[in-house]
Amino acid sequence: MKLSGILPPICTPFHPDGSLALVELKQNIAIYNRTALAGYVVTGSTGEAVMLSDQEKVHVWESVRESCAPGKLLIAGTGAQSTQETIRLTRAAADLGYHAALVLTPCFFKAQMTRPESQLDFYTAVAEASTIPILLYSFPQMTGIDLDPELMARIVEHPNIVAIKESSADLNKIRKLAAVIPQHRPLLVGAAPVFETCLSMGAAGGVLALANILPGAACEIYNLHRAGDAEKAKATQQKIFEAAGVSSRFGVQGVKFAMDRMGYFGGISRRPLQPLDAQQKSAIEAILRNVPPESLN
């Protein structure tokens, strides 16, 4: 399993009544299949995993698996607050043929979850019980749990914890992570506005919300970097800098609205997430108008 390149955290589409729009999800995947995306992360944060029931997660996993092109990597977001529930969801994803599981740091009991032994015990237990590889998923902006790079390096010493996905834009942390984790444990990043910089620091790829909107541009940055053309990679990053910030600025709702404007099915987000107002929509439309034509793919 090659954990590198661009993997979008696939948005979960909903009908106006809030039910899953699985036909539209498959249509989105059919379009993404024609790109250079390495695979798909399903029911991650951008997929509104916290808004889905367990049964709905299974339906989403099934739909993406059924429409996924051969050779694309399938990673399921299976993190839950308890070790037991995370193991159960990870096994369910494995049974459906997923190649790996993305496991978010448990965070509800924050005072206890900031203790290194709690996270180490959690990931070790999940890895021991899983038949598919585990990716450690750090998203401190959402969870409030900011794991120390040395602790993350300890966690990925387990043979079944094969990579780290770090979603913060803290370049000092990215630099330190790249230095302390083993080379055979890829570092994937989630901050699209600084993606090229993260690659230059040693990141192996990105799980980027931007790739839901502009998969070709995200892949171009990665491919240019891999080809050794740092200047062109930086130039491409600069061309889509504003678009890369849609997720952090406008949330999942903004990503979905941009998807609608780019020919995908984004649709609504689940309540209590609120719809974008007219000013926010206009701002996103202006951002997309400023994307060069060659990046609109």
C-alpha atoms as a PDB file:
ATOM      1  CA  MET A   1       0.000   0.000   0.000  1.00  0.00           C
ATOM      2  CA  LYS A   2       1.490   3.296  -1.154  1.00  0.00           C
ATOM      3  CA  LEU A   3       0.401   6.155   1.110  1.00  0.00           C
ATOM      4  CA  SER A   4       1.329   9.213  -0.922  1.00  0.00           C
ATOM      5  CA  GLY A   5      -0.178  11.636  -3.372  1.00  0.00           C
ATOM      6  CA  ILE A   6      -3.550  13.351  -3.047  1.00  0.00           C
ATOM      7  CA  LEU A   7      -6.518  11.810  -1.282  1.00  0.00           C
ATOM      8  CA  PRO A   8      -9.600  14.004  -0.906  1.00  0.00           C
ATOM      9  CA  PRO A   9     -11.635  13.665   2.293  1.00  0.00           C
ATOM     10  CA  ILE A  10     -14.810  12.993   0.345  1.00  0.00           C
ATOM     11  CA  CYS A  11     -17.834  15.144   1.175  1.00  0.00           C
ATOM     12  CA  THR A  12     -20.974  13.229   2.112  1.00  0.00           C
ATOM     13  CA  PRO A  13     -23.854  14.596   0.032  1.00  0.00           C
ATOM     14  CA  PHE A  14     -27.365  14.958   1.434  1.00  0.00           C
ATOM     15  CA  HIS A  15     -30.794  15.522  -0.076  1.00  0.00           C
ATOM     16  CA  PRO A  16     -32.718  18.643   1.008  1.00  0.00           C
ATOM     17  CA  ASP A  17     -34.505  16.544   3.638  1.00  0.00           C
ATOM     18  CA  GLY A  18     -31.157  15.552   5.167  1.00  0.00           C
ATOM     19  CA  SER A  19     -31.085  11.964   3.896  1.00  0.00           C
ATOM     20  CA  LEU A  20     -28.015  10.484   2.211  1.00  0.00           C
ATOM     21  CA  ALA A  21     -27.670  11.296  -1.490  1.00  0.00           C
ATOM     22  CA  LEU A  22     -25.875   8.085  -2.442  1.00  0.00           C
ATOM     23  CA  VAL A  23     -26.545   8.263  -6.191  1.00  0.00           C
ATOM     24  CA  GLU A  24     -24.982  11.715  -6.278  1.00  0.00           C
ATOM     25  CA  LEU A  25     -22.061  10.449  -4.190  1.00  0.00           C
ATOM     26  CA  LYS A  26     -21.386   7.758  -6.774  1.00  0.00           C
ATOM     27  CA  GLN A  27     -21.590  10.351  -9.545  1.00  0.00           C
ATOM     28  CA  ASN A  28     -18.944  12.452  -7.785  1.00  0.00           C
ATOM     29  CA  ILE A  29     -16.673   9.430  -7.417  1.00  0.00           C
ATOM     30  CA  ALA A  30     -17.106   8.599 -11.104  1.00  0.00           C
ATOM     31  CA  ILE A  31     -15.746  12.054 -11.987  1.00  0.00           C
ATOM     32  CA  TYR A  32     -12.893  11.822  -9.466  1.00  0.00           C
ATOM     33  CA  ASN A  33     -11.959   8.414 -10.890  1.00  0.00           C
ATOM     34  CA  ARG A  34     -10.811  10.165 -14.064  1.00  0.00           C
ATOM     35  CA  THR A  35      -8.251  12.248 -12.177  1.00  0.00           C
ATOM     36  CA  ALA A  36      -4.807  11.450 -10.770  1.00  0.00           C
ATOM     37  CA  LEU A  37      -6.127  11.208  -7.207  1.00  0.00           C
ATOM     38  CA  ALA A  38      -4.439   8.368  -5.308  1.00  0.00           C
ATOM     39  CA  GLY A  39      -7.649   7.369  -3.576  1.00  0.00           C
ATOM     40  CA  TYR A  40     -10.372   8.532  -1.221  1.00  0.00           C
ATOM     41  CA  VAL A  41     -10.753   9.159   2.488  1.00  0.00           C
ATOM     42  CA  VAL A  42     -14.386   8.429   3.322  1.00  0.00           C
ATOM     43  CA  THR A  43     -16.276   9.656   6.416  1.00  0.00           C
ATOM     44  CA  GLY A  44     -13.521  11.930   7.590  1.00  0.00           C
ATOM     45  CA  SER A  45     -14.093  15.369   9.080  1.00  0.00           C
ATOM     46  CA  THR A  46     -14.958  16.968   5.721  1.00  0.00           C
ATOM     47  CA  GLY A  47     -17.291  14.006   5.199  1.00  0.00           C
ATOM     48  CA  GLU A  48     -19.268  15.150   8.255  1.00  0.00           C
ATOM     49  CA  ALA A  49     -18.602  11.844   9.983  1.00  0.00           C
ATOM     50  CA  VAL A  50     -19.794  13.191  13.329  1.00  0.00           C
ATOM     51  CA  MET A  51     -23.186  13.844  11.720  1.00  0.00           C
ATOM     52  CA  LEU A  52     -23.634  10.261  10.503  1.00  0.00           C
ATOM     53  CA  SER A  53     -25.079   7.223  12.225  1.00  0.00           C
ATOM     54  CA  ASP A  54     -23.065   4.019  12.114  1.00  0.00           C
ATOM     55  CA  GLN A  55     -25.500   2.550   9.604  1.00  0.00           C
ATOM     56  CA  GLU A  56     -25.152   5.621   7.394  1.00  0.00           C
ATOM     57  CA  LYS A  57     -21.367   5.336   7.521  1.00  0.00           C
ATOM     58  CA  VAL A  58     -21.655   1.777   6.230  1.00  0.00           C
ATOM     59  CA  HIS A  59     -23.941   2.918   3.403  1.00  0.00           C
ATOM     60  CA  VAL A  60     -21.449   5.631   2.431  1.00  0.00           C
ATOM     61  CA  TRP A  61     -18.534   3.168   2.574  1.00  0.00           C
ATOM     62  CA  GLU A  62     -20.446   0.728   0.368  1.00  0.00           C
ATOM     63  CA  SER A  63     -21.346   3.403  -2.187  1.00  0.00           C
ATOM     64  CA  VAL A  64     -17.783   4.670  -2.553  1.00  0.00           C
ATOM     65  CA  ARG A  65     -16.380   1.152  -2.755  1.00  0.00           C
ATOM     66  CA  GLU A  66     -18.883   0.201  -5.460  1.00  0.00           C
ATOM     67  CA  SER A  67     -18.021   3.249  -7.581  1.00  0.00           C
ATOM     68  CA  CYS A  68     -14.271   3.434  -6.897  1.00  0.00           C
ATOM     69  CA  ALA A  69     -11.974   2.770  -9.860  1.00  0.00           C
ATOM     70  CA  PRO A  70      -9.457  -0.070  -9.584  1.00  0.00           C
ATOM     71  CA  GLY A  71      -6.157   0.995  -8.121  1.00  0.00           C
ATOM     72  CA  LYS A  72      -7.579   3.790  -5.967  1.00  0.00           C
ATOM     73  CA  LEU A  73      -6.841   3.548  -2.251  1.00  0.00           C
ATOM     74  CA  LEU A  74      -9.856   3.412   0.069  1.00  0.00           C
ATOM     75  CA  ILE A  75      -9.465   4.743   3.602  1.00  0.00           C
ATOM     76  CA  ALA A  76     -12.377   4.845   6.044  1.00  0.00           C
ATOM     77  CA  GLY A  77     -12.649   7.287   8.915  1.00  0.00           C
ATOM     78  CA  THR A  78     -13.444   5.020  11.853  1.00  0.00           C
ATOM     79  CA  GLY A  79     -12.412   6.992  14.926  1.00  0.00           C
ATOM     80  CA  ALA A  80     -14.850   7.085  17.837  1.00  0.00           C
ATOM     81  CA  GLN A  81     -14.607   8.214  21.434  1.00  0.00           C
ATOM     82  CA  SER A  82     -14.255   4.709  22.849  1.00  0.00           C
ATOM     83  CA  THR A  83     -11.665   2.113  21.965  1.00  0.00           C
ATOM     84  CA  GLN A  84     -14.355  -0.547  21.663  1.00  0.00           C
ATOM     85  CA  GLU A  85     -16.472   1.421  19.206  1.00  0.00           C
ATOM     86  CA  THR A  86     -13.453   2.383  17.119  1.00  0.00           C
ATOM     87  CA  ILE A  87     -12.456  -1.264  16.842  1.00  0.00           C
ATOM     88  CA  ARG A  88     -15.996  -2.234  15.819  1.00  0.00           C
ATOM     89  CA  LEU A  89     -16.167   0.429  13.095  1.00  0.00           C
ATOM     90  CA  THR A  90     -12.685  -0.409  11.835  1.00  0.00           C
ATOM     91  CA  ARG A  91     -13.613  -4.071  11.509  1.00  0.00           C
ATOM     92  CA  ALA A  92     -16.780  -3.094   9.623  1.00  0.00           C
ATOM     93  CA  ALA A  93     -14.725  -1.045   7.146  1.00  0.00           C
ATOM     94  CA  ALA A  94     -12.278  -3.923   6.727  1.00  0.00           C
ATOM     95  CA  ASP A  95     -15.154  -6.300   6.004  1.00  0.00           C
ATOM     96  CA  LEU A  96     -16.245  -3.971   3.196  1.00  0.00           C
ATOM     97  CA  GLY A  97     -12.822  -4.118   1.578  1.00  0.00           C
ATOM     98  CA  TYR A  98     -11.307  -0.851   2.752  1.00  0.00           C
ATOM     99  CA  HIS A  99      -7.523  -0.788   2.649  1.00  0.00           C
ATOM    100  CA  ALA A 100      -6.893   1.261   5.804  1.00  0.00           C
ATOM    101  CA  ALA A 101      -8.615   3.201   8.564  1.00  0.00           C
ATOM    102  CA  LEU A 102      -8.106   6.830   9.554  1.00  0.00           C
ATOM    103  CA  VAL A 103      -8.504   7.045  13.333  1.00  0.00           C
ATOM    104  CA  LEU A 104      -9.020  10.423  14.981  1.00  0.00           C
ATOM    105  CA  THR A 105      -7.690  11.104  18.464  1.00  0.00           C
ATOM    106  CA  PRO A 106     -10.440  10.634  21.085  1.00  0.00           C
ATOM    107  CA  CYS A 107     -11.094  13.995  22.690  1.00  0.00           C
ATOM    108  CA  PHE A 108     -14.332  14.299  24.671  1.00  0.00           C
ATOM    109  CA  PHE A 109     -12.790  13.708  28.101  1.00  0.00           C
ATOM    110  CA  LYS A 110     -10.115  16.223  27.255  1.00  0.00           C
ATOM    111  CA  ALA A 111      -8.248  16.326  30.564  1.00  0.00           C
ATOM    112  CA  GLN A 112      -7.720  12.560  30.439  1.00  0.00           C
ATOM    113  CA  MET A 113      -7.109  12.431  26.690  1.00  0.00           C
ATOM    114  CA  THR A 114      -4.201  14.861  26.895  1.00  0.00           C
ATOM    115  CA  ARG A 115      -2.324  12.253  28.919  1.00  0.00           C
ATOM    116  CA  PRO A 116       0.148  10.448  26.640  1.00  0.00           C
ATOM    117  CA  GLU A 117      -0.697   7.029  28.083  1.00  0.00           C
ATOM    118  CA  SER A 118      -4.377   7.415  27.128  1.00  0.00           C
ATOM    119  CA  GLN A 119      -3.642   8.035  23.452  1.00  0.00           C
ATOM    120  CA  LEU A 120      -0.902   5.406  23.345  1.00  0.00           C
ATOM    121  CA  ASP A 121      -3.213   2.805  24.890  1.00  0.00           C
ATOM    122  CA  PHE A 122      -6.048   3.753  22.510  1.00  0.00           C
ATOM    123  CA  TYR A 123      -4.030   3.466  19.311  1.00  0.00           C
ATOM    124  CA  THR A 124      -2.210   0.338  20.408  1.00  0.00           C
ATOM    125  CA  ALA A 125      -5.462  -1.441  21.219  1.00  0.00           C
ATOM    126  CA  VAL A 126      -7.082  -0.416  17.929  1.00  0.00           C
ATOM    127  CA  ALA A 127      -4.013  -1.448  15.926  1.00  0.00           C
ATOM    128  CA  GLU A 128      -3.813  -4.816  17.674  1.00  0.00           C
ATOM    129  CA  ALA A 129      -7.464  -5.568  16.931  1.00  0.00           C
ATOM    130  CA  SER A 130      -7.516  -4.335  13.329  1.00  0.00           C
ATOM    131  CA  THR A 131      -6.933  -6.480  10.258  1.00  0.00           C
ATOM    132  CA  ILE A 132      -6.215  -3.379   8.157  1.00  0.00           C
ATOM    133  CA  PRO A 133      -3.539  -0.716   8.695  1.00  0.00           C
ATOM    134  CA  ILE A 134      -4.271   2.313  10.877  1.00  0.00           C
ATOM    135  CA  LEU A 135      -3.455   5.966  10.211  1.00  0.00           C
ATOM    136  CA  LEU A 136      -3.067   8.220  13.237  1.00  0.00           C
ATOM    137  CA  TYR A 137      -5.289  11.259  12.625  1.00  0.00           C
ATOM    138  CA  SER A 138      -4.413  14.498  14.420  1.00  0.00           C
ATOM    139  CA  PHE A 139      -6.802  17.443  14.010  1.00  0.00           C
ATOM    140  CA  PRO A 140      -6.092  19.755  16.957  1.00  0.00           C
ATOM    141  CA  GLN A 141      -8.168  22.646  15.585  1.00  0.00           C
ATOM    142  CA  MET A 142     -11.299  20.520  16.052  1.00  0.00           C
ATOM    143  CA  THR A 143     -10.421  18.140  18.867  1.00  0.00           C
ATOM    144  CA  GLY A 144      -8.342  20.366  21.118  1.00  0.00           C
ATOM    145  CA  ILE A 145      -5.862  17.474  21.367  1.00  0.00           C
ATOM    146  CA  ASP A 146      -2.465  18.490  20.021  1.00  0.00           C
ATOM    147  CA  LEU A 147      -0.217  15.451  20.262  1.00  0.00           C
ATOM    148  CA  ASP A 148       3.473  16.030  20.776  1.00  0.00           C
ATOM    149  CA  PRO A 149       5.561  14.854  17.780  1.00  0.00           C
ATOM    150  CA  GLU A 150       7.620  12.584  20.025  1.00  0.00           C
ATOM    151  CA  LEU A 151       4.445  10.893  21.274  1.00  0.00           C
ATOM    152  CA  MET A 152       3.213  10.484  17.705  1.00  0.00           C
ATOM    153  CA  ALA A 153       6.545   8.900  16.812  1.00  0.00           C
ATOM    154  CA  ARG A 154       6.067   6.444  19.693  1.00  0.00           C
ATOM    155  CA  ILE A 155       2.546   5.594  18.564  1.00  0.00           C
ATOM    156  CA  VAL A 156       3.617   4.784  14.992  1.00  0.00           C
ATOM    157  CA  GLU A 157       6.244   2.371  16.257  1.00  0.00           C
ATOM    158  CA  HIS A 158       3.413  -0.171  16.253  1.00  0.00           C
ATOM    159  CA  PRO A 159       3.737  -2.221  13.048  1.00  0.00           C
ATOM    160  CA  ASN A 160       0.057  -1.792  12.173  1.00  0.00           C
ATOM    161  CA  ILE A 161       0.041   2.005  12.513  1.00  0.00           C
ATOM    162  CA  VAL A 162       1.452   2.922   9.150  1.00  0.00           C
ATOM    163  CA  ALA A 163       1.119   6.695   8.731  1.00  0.00           C
ATOM    164  CA  ILE A 164       0.183  10.020  10.289  1.00  0.00           C
ATOM    165  CA  LYS A 165      -2.343  12.524   9.006  1.00  0.00           C
ATOM    166  CA  GLU A 166      -1.675  15.925  10.583  1.00  0.00           C
ATOM    167  CA  SER A 167      -4.303  18.551   9.810  1.00  0.00           C
ATOM    168  CA  SER A 168      -2.809  21.573  11.538  1.00  0.00           C
ATOM    169  CA  ALA A 169      -1.056  24.297   9.575  1.00  0.00           C
ATOM    170  CA  ASP A 170       1.671  24.541  12.224  1.00  0.00           C
ATOM    171  CA  LEU A 171       4.774  24.397  10.058  1.00  0.00           C
ATOM    172  CA  ASN A 172       7.058  24.025  13.067  1.00  0.00           C
ATOM    173  CA  LYS A 173       5.144  20.909  14.066  1.00  0.00           C
ATOM    174  CA  ILE A 174       5.180  19.570  10.492  1.00  0.00           C
ATOM    175  CA  ARG A 175       8.931  20.082  10.320  1.00  0.00           C
ATOM    176  CA  LYS A 176       9.476  18.328  13.638  1.00  0.00           C
ATOM    177  CA  LEU A 177       7.154  15.454  12.738  1.00  0.00           C
ATOM    178  CA  ALA A 178       8.974  14.870   9.472  1.00  0.00           C
ATOM    179  CA  ALA A 179      12.231  14.735  11.432  1.00  0.00           C
ATOM    180  CA  VAL A 180      11.187  12.362  14.236  1.00  0.00           C
ATOM    181  CA  ILE A 181       8.911   9.789  12.576  1.00  0.00           C
ATOM    182  CA  PRO A 182      10.514   6.906  10.665  1.00  0.00           C
ATOM    183  CA  GLN A 183      10.846   7.332   6.913  1.00  0.00           C
ATOM    184  CA  HIS A 184       8.674   4.266   6.333  1.00  0.00           C
ATOM    185  CA  ARG A 185       5.813   6.003   8.186  1.00  0.00           C
ATOM    186  CA  PRO A 186       4.493   8.566   5.672  1.00  0.00           C
ATOM    187  CA  LEU A 187       3.304  11.954   6.854  1.00  0.00           C
ATOM    188  CA  LEU A 188       0.146  13.195   5.165  1.00  0.00           C
ATOM    189  CA  VAL A 189      -0.983  16.766   5.747  1.00  0.00           C
ATOM    190  CA  GLY A 190      -4.342  18.504   5.602  1.00  0.00           C
ATOM    191  CA  ALA A 191      -3.548  22.229   5.338  1.00  0.00           C
ATOM    192  CA  ALA A 192      -4.000  22.992   1.639  1.00  0.00           C
ATOM    193  CA  PRO A 193      -2.751  26.631   1.743  1.00  0.00           C
ATOM    194  CA  VAL A 194       0.710  25.447   2.840  1.00  0.00           C
ATOM    195  CA  PHE A 195       0.715  22.097   1.054  1.00  0.00           C
ATOM    196  CA  GLU A 196       3.742  22.752  -1.147  1.00  0.00           C
ATOM    197  CA  THR A 197       5.730  23.949   1.850  1.00  0.00           C
ATOM    198  CA  CYS A 198       4.812  20.789   3.743  1.00  0.00           C
ATOM    199  CA  LEU A 199       5.997  18.669   0.822  1.00  0.00           C
ATOM    200  CA  SER A 200       9.324  20.472   0.897  1.00  0.00           C
ATOM    201  CA  MET A 201       9.587  19.575   4.596  1.00  0.00           C
ATOM    202  CA  GLY A 202       9.100  15.884   3.921  1.00  0.00           C
ATOM    203  CA  ALA A 203       5.363  15.255   3.742  1.00  0.00           C
ATOM    204  CA  ALA A 204       4.439  12.344   1.482  1.00  0.00           C
ATOM    205  CA  GLY A 205       1.100  13.723   0.350  1.00  0.00           C
ATOM    206  CA  GLY A 206      -2.106  15.385   1.394  1.00  0.00           C
ATOM    207  CA  VAL A 207      -5.624  14.619   2.547  1.00  0.00           C
ATOM    208  CA  LEU A 208      -6.917  17.938   1.265  1.00  0.00           C
ATOM    209  CA  ALA A 209     -10.477  19.284   1.288  1.00  0.00           C
ATOM    210  CA  LEU A 210      -9.337  21.358  -1.706  1.00  0.00           C
ATOM    211  CA  ALA A 211      -9.172  18.139  -3.751  1.00  0.00           C
ATOM    212  CA  ASN A 212     -12.976  17.895  -3.587  1.00  0.00           C
ATOM    213  CA  ILE A 213     -13.086  21.154  -5.563  1.00  0.00           C
ATOM    214  CA  LEU A 214      -9.883  21.249  -7.644  1.00  0.00           C
ATOM    215  CA  PRO A 215      -8.462  17.720  -7.722  1.00  0.00           C
ATOM    216  CA  GLY A 216      -6.311  18.403 -10.777  1.00  0.00           C
ATOM    217  CA  ALA A 217      -4.624  21.443  -9.260  1.00  0.00           C
ATOM    218  CA  ALA A 218      -3.912  19.620  -6.006  1.00  0.00           C
ATOM    219  CA  CYS A 219      -2.395  16.709  -7.928  1.00  0.00           C
ATOM    220  CA  GLU A 220      -0.358  19.091 -10.077  1.00  0.00           C
ATOM    221  CA  ILE A 221       1.326  20.612  -7.005  1.00  0.00           C
ATOM    222  CA  TYR A 222       2.229  17.130  -5.785  1.00  0.00           C
ATOM    223  CA  ASN A 223       3.441  15.901  -9.180  1.00  0.00           C
ATOM    224  CA  LEU A 224       5.552  19.000  -9.822  1.00  0.00           C
ATOM    225  CA  HIS A 225       7.174  18.638  -6.418  1.00  0.00           C
ATOM    226  CA  ARG A 226       7.906  14.957  -7.028  1.00  0.00           C
ATOM    227  CA  ALA A 227       9.421  15.850 -10.405  1.00  0.00           C
ATOM    228  CA  GLY A 228      11.793  18.247  -8.682  1.00  0.00           C
ATOM    229  CA  ASP A 229      10.243  21.415 -10.118  1.00  0.00           C
ATOM    230  CA  ALA A 230       9.824  23.335  -6.872  1.00  0.00           C
ATOM    231  CA  GLU A 231       9.361  26.698  -8.581  1.00  0.00           C
ATOM    232  CA  LYS A 232       6.412  25.532 -10.688  1.00  0.00           C
ATOM    233  CA  ALA A 233       4.919  23.758  -7.670  1.00  0.00           C
ATOM    234  CA  LYS A 234       5.104  26.995  -5.675  1.00  0.00           C
ATOM    235  CA  ALA A 235       3.628  28.941  -8.577  1.00  0.00           C
ATOM    236  CA  THR A 236       0.689  26.539  -8.836  1.00  0.00           C
ATOM    237  CA  GLN A 237       0.163  26.733  -5.077  1.00  0.00           C
ATOM    238  CA  GLN A 238       0.056  30.528  -5.294  1.00  0.00           C
ATOM    239  CA  LYS A 239      -2.456  30.468  -8.150  1.00  0.00           C
ATOM    240  CA  ILE A 240      -4.982  28.558  -6.042  1.00  0.00           C
ATOM    241  CA  PHE A 241      -4.046  29.993  -2.650  1.00  0.00           C
ATOM    242  CA  GLU A 242      -7.461  31.553  -1.984  1.00  0.00           C
ATOM    243  CA  ALA A 243      -9.316  28.442  -3.154  1.00  0.00           C
ATOM    244  CA  ALA A 244      -7.142  26.348  -0.859  1.00  0.00           C
ATOM    245  CA  GLY A 245      -8.486  28.340   2.081  1.00  0.00           C
ATOM    246  CA  VAL A 246     -12.184  27.801   1.371  1.00  0.00           C
ATOM    247  CA  SER A 247     -12.436  24.944   3.869  1.00  0.00           C
ATOM    248  CA  SER A 248     -10.806  26.767   6.777  1.00  0.00           C
ATOM    249  CA  ARG A 249     -12.657  30.004   6.034  1.00  0.00           C
ATOM    250  CA  PHE A 250     -16.140  28.731   5.214  1.00  0.00           C
ATOM    251  CA  GLY A 251     -16.219  25.194   6.616  1.00  0.00           C
ATOM    252  CA  VAL A 252     -17.710  22.119   5.008  1.00  0.00           C
ATOM    253  CA  GLN A 253     -20.589  24.236   3.745  1.00  0.00           C
ATOM    254  CA  GLY A 254     -18.128  26.306   1.730  1.00  0.00           C
ATOM    255  CA  VAL A 255     -16.472  23.223   0.251  1.00  0.00           C
ATOM    256  CA  LYS A 256     -19.857  21.869  -0.804  1.00  0.00           C
ATOM    257  CA  PHE A 257     -20.953  25.160  -2.335  1.00  0.00           C
ATOM    258  CA  ALA A 258     -17.699  25.340  -4.304  1.00  0.00           C
ATOM    259  CA  MET A 259     -18.222  21.753  -5.448  1.00  0.00           C
ATOM    260  CA  ASP A 260     -21.658  22.713  -6.776  1.00  0.00           C
ATOM    261  CA  ARG A 261     -20.052  25.531  -8.754  1.00  0.00           C
ATOM    262  CA  MET A 262     -17.396  23.171 -10.145  1.00  0.00           C
ATOM    263  CA  GLY A 263     -19.817  20.587 -11.529  1.00  0.00           C
ATOM    264  CA  TYR A 264     -19.917  18.171  -8.609  1.00  0.00           C
ATOM    265  CA  PHE A 265     -22.809  17.547  -6.222  1.00  0.00           C
ATOM    266  CA  GLY A 266     -22.062  19.298  -2.954  1.00  0.00           C
ATOM    267  CA  GLY A 267     -25.487  20.169  -1.647  1.00  0.00           C
ATOM    268  CA  ILE A 268     -26.322  21.011   1.936  1.00  0.00           C
ATOM    269  CA  SER A 269     -24.600  20.186   5.187  1.00  0.00           C
ATOM    270  CA  ARG A 270     -26.449  18.642   8.072  1.00  0.00           C
ATOM    271  CA  ARG A 271     -27.919  20.767  10.809  1.00  0.00           C
ATOM    272  CA  PRO A 272     -26.943  22.334  13.123  1.00  0.00           C
ATOM    273  CA  LEU A 273     -24.440  23.507  10.481  1.00  0.00           C
ATOM    274  CA  GLN A 274     -26.056  26.559   8.937  1.00  0.00           C
ATOM    275  CA  PRO A 275     -26.332  27.389   5.234  1.00  0.00           C
ATOM    276  CA  LEU A 276     -24.010  29.984   3.785  1.00  0.00           C
ATOM    277  CA  ASP A 277     -25.434  33.470   3.480  1.00  0.00           C
ATOM    278  CA  ALA A 278     -25.454  35.469   0.253  1.00  0.00           C
ATOM    279  CA  GLN A 279     -22.256  37.327   1.139  1.00  0.00           C
ATOM    280  CA  GLN A 280     -20.358  34.090   1.797  1.00  0.00           C
ATOM    281  CA  LYS A 281     -21.578  32.568  -1.453  1.00  0.00           C
ATOM    282  CA  SER A 282     -20.499  35.663  -3.378  1.00  0.00           C
ATOM    283  CA  ALA A 283     -17.069  35.507  -1.758  1.00  0.00           C
ATOM    284  CA  ILE A 284     -16.585  31.877  -2.818  1.00  0.00           C
ATOM    285  CA  GLU A 285     -17.776  32.601  -6.347  1.00  0.00           C
ATOM    286  CA  ALA A 286     -15.249  35.435  -6.565  1.00  0.00           C
ATOM    287  CA  ILE A 287     -12.483  33.118  -5.353  1.00  0.00           C
ATOM    288  CA  LEU A 288     -13.357  30.545  -8.003  1.00  0.00           C
ATOM    289  CA  ARG A 289     -13.444  33.212 -10.722  1.00  0.00           C
ATOM    290  CA  ASN A 290      -9.868  34.095  -9.832  1.00  0.00           C
ATOM    291  CA  VAL A 291      -8.627  30.531 -10.301  1.00  0.00           C
ATOM    292  CA  PRO A 292      -6.698  30.302 -13.591  1.00  0.00           C
ATOM    293  CA  PRO A 293      -8.485  28.264 -16.287  1.00  0.00           C
ATOM    294  CA  GLU A 294      -5.694  25.667 -16.348  1.00  0.00           C
ATOM    295  CA  SER A 295      -6.365  24.898 -12.680  1.00  0.00           C
ATOM    296  CA  LEU A 296     -10.104  24.402 -13.105  1.00  0.00           C
ATOM    297  CA  ASN A 297     -10.075  20.612 -13.317  1.00  0.00           C
END
